[in-house]
Each structure stands twice: as C-alpha cells, then as structure tokens.
C-alpha cells in the first residue's frame, strides 16, 4: 500500500475499499488484502487526526495564555486607583 499524501486522500481510499468489500464482488483473498490496506489507512488517518488535535490544543493554550496576559494588563493598567 502506498501511503496517502493527505488525510482526505486516505479517507477517500477507505471509502473506496469499503464500497468494494460491500459489493460482494471480491474474492476472499482480495478481501483480506483490502482489509489489510484499510487497517493501514485507519492507522494513518488516526495518527494524522492525533497530530492535528495536538496542534489545536497548543493553539488553544496559546490563546488562553494570551487572554490571561491581556486580562492582567487590563487589571494593572486599566484599574482606577483610589486615593
């Protein structure tokens, strides 16, 4: 199996494999080969989703940190001082 270049390519190939296997027109031996390819594609797509999830978590943490920094500046610089 050639590794897909993108997540979308992997998902499209998985959909194609599923359609072929559900058609009932493949031999048992071919079904086993398709199943093995599908398992590899599922692994690839899962790893890709995990990486993207981590990237999104990092973005969320940066945004949360930026929000806290902004709040601290507002409190320090924007608060009225009482005499």
Protein backbone atom coordinates (compact mmCIF):
# COMPACT_ATOMS: atom_id res chain seq x y z
CA UNK A 1 0.00 0.00 0.00
CA UNK A 2 1.25 3.43 -0.94
CA UNK A 3 0.82 5.89 1.91
CA UNK A 4 -1.68 8.64 1.19
CA UNK A 5 -0.35 12.18 0.83
CA UNK A 6 -3.22 13.71 2.78
CA UNK A 7 -5.84 12.76 5.33
CA UNK A 8 -8.54 13.36 2.72
CA UNK A 9 -6.82 11.03 0.27
CA UNK A 10 -6.67 8.34 2.94
CA UNK A 11 -10.35 8.72 3.76
CA UNK A 12 -11.33 8.59 0.10
CA UNK A 13 -9.35 5.37 -0.35
CA UNK A 14 -11.01 3.90 2.76
CA UNK A 15 -14.43 4.73 1.32
CA UNK A 16 -13.46 3.06 -1.97
CA UNK A 17 -12.27 -0.07 -0.16
CA UNK A 18 -15.47 -0.23 1.87
CA UNK A 19 -17.61 0.06 -1.25
CA UNK A 20 -15.68 -2.73 -2.97
CA UNK A 21 -15.90 -5.03 0.02
CA UNK A 22 -19.62 -4.38 0.43
CA UNK A 23 -20.28 -5.05 -3.25
CA UNK A 24 -19.77 -8.76 -2.72
CA UNK A 25 -17.81 -8.95 -5.97
CA UNK A 26 -14.37 -9.51 -4.45
CA UNK A 27 -12.81 -12.84 -3.66
CA UNK A 28 -11.90 -13.86 -0.15
CA UNK A 29 -8.21 -13.42 -0.90
CA UNK A 30 -8.82 -9.95 -2.31
CA UNK A 31 -10.95 -9.09 0.72
CA UNK A 32 -8.06 -9.96 3.01
CA UNK A 33 -5.72 -7.70 1.01
CA UNK A 34 -8.24 -4.87 1.06
CA UNK A 35 -8.76 -5.34 4.79
CA UNK A 36 -5.02 -5.11 5.41
CA UNK A 37 -4.81 -1.94 3.32
CA UNK A 38 -7.78 -0.47 5.16
CA UNK A 39 -6.16 -1.22 8.53
CA UNK A 40 -3.05 0.69 7.44
CA UNK A 41 -5.15 3.60 6.24
CA UNK A 42 -7.08 3.72 9.51
CA UNK A 43 -3.78 3.84 11.39
CA UNK A 44 -2.50 6.65 9.13
CA UNK A 45 -5.72 8.67 9.47
CA UNK A 46 -5.81 8.18 13.25
CA UNK A 47 -2.19 9.35 13.61
CA UNK A 48 -2.96 12.35 11.41
CA UNK A 49 -6.01 13.28 13.50
CA UNK A 50 -4.00 12.89 16.70
CA UNK A 51 -1.34 15.29 15.38
CA UNK A 52 -3.95 17.83 14.36
CA UNK A 53 -5.65 17.51 17.73
CA UNK A 54 -2.36 18.26 19.49
CA UNK A 55 -1.80 21.28 17.25
CA UNK A 56 -5.26 22.58 18.09
CA UNK A 57 -4.63 22.05 21.81
CA UNK A 58 -1.40 24.05 21.52
CA UNK A 59 -3.24 26.87 19.75
CA UNK A 60 -5.93 26.87 22.44
CA UNK A 61 -3.27 27.03 25.17
CA UNK A 62 -1.56 29.95 23.45
CA UNK A 63 -4.87 31.77 23.08
CA UNK A 64 -5.76 31.11 26.70
CA UNK A 65 -2.34 32.38 27.76
CA UNK A 66 -2.74 35.48 25.63
CA UNK A 67 -6.14 36.09 27.17
CA UNK A 68 -4.73 35.84 30.68
CA UNK A 69 -1.89 38.22 29.79
CA UNK A 70 -4.40 40.66 28.35
CA UNK A 71 -6.57 40.42 31.45
CA UNK A 72 -3.60 41.06 33.72
CA UNK A 73 -2.61 44.12 31.73
CA UNK A 74 -6.16 45.43 31.84
CA UNK A 75 -6.33 44.94 35.58
CA UNK A 76 -2.92 46.52 36.18
CA UNK A 77 -3.12 49.31 33.65
CA UNK A 78 -6.84 49.93 33.46
CA UNK A 79 -7.90 49.80 37.08
CA UNK A 80 -8.73 53.05 38.74
CA UNK A 81 -6.56 53.87 41.68
CA UNK A 82 -8.29 55.06 44.81
CA UNK A 83 -6.69 57.95 46.65
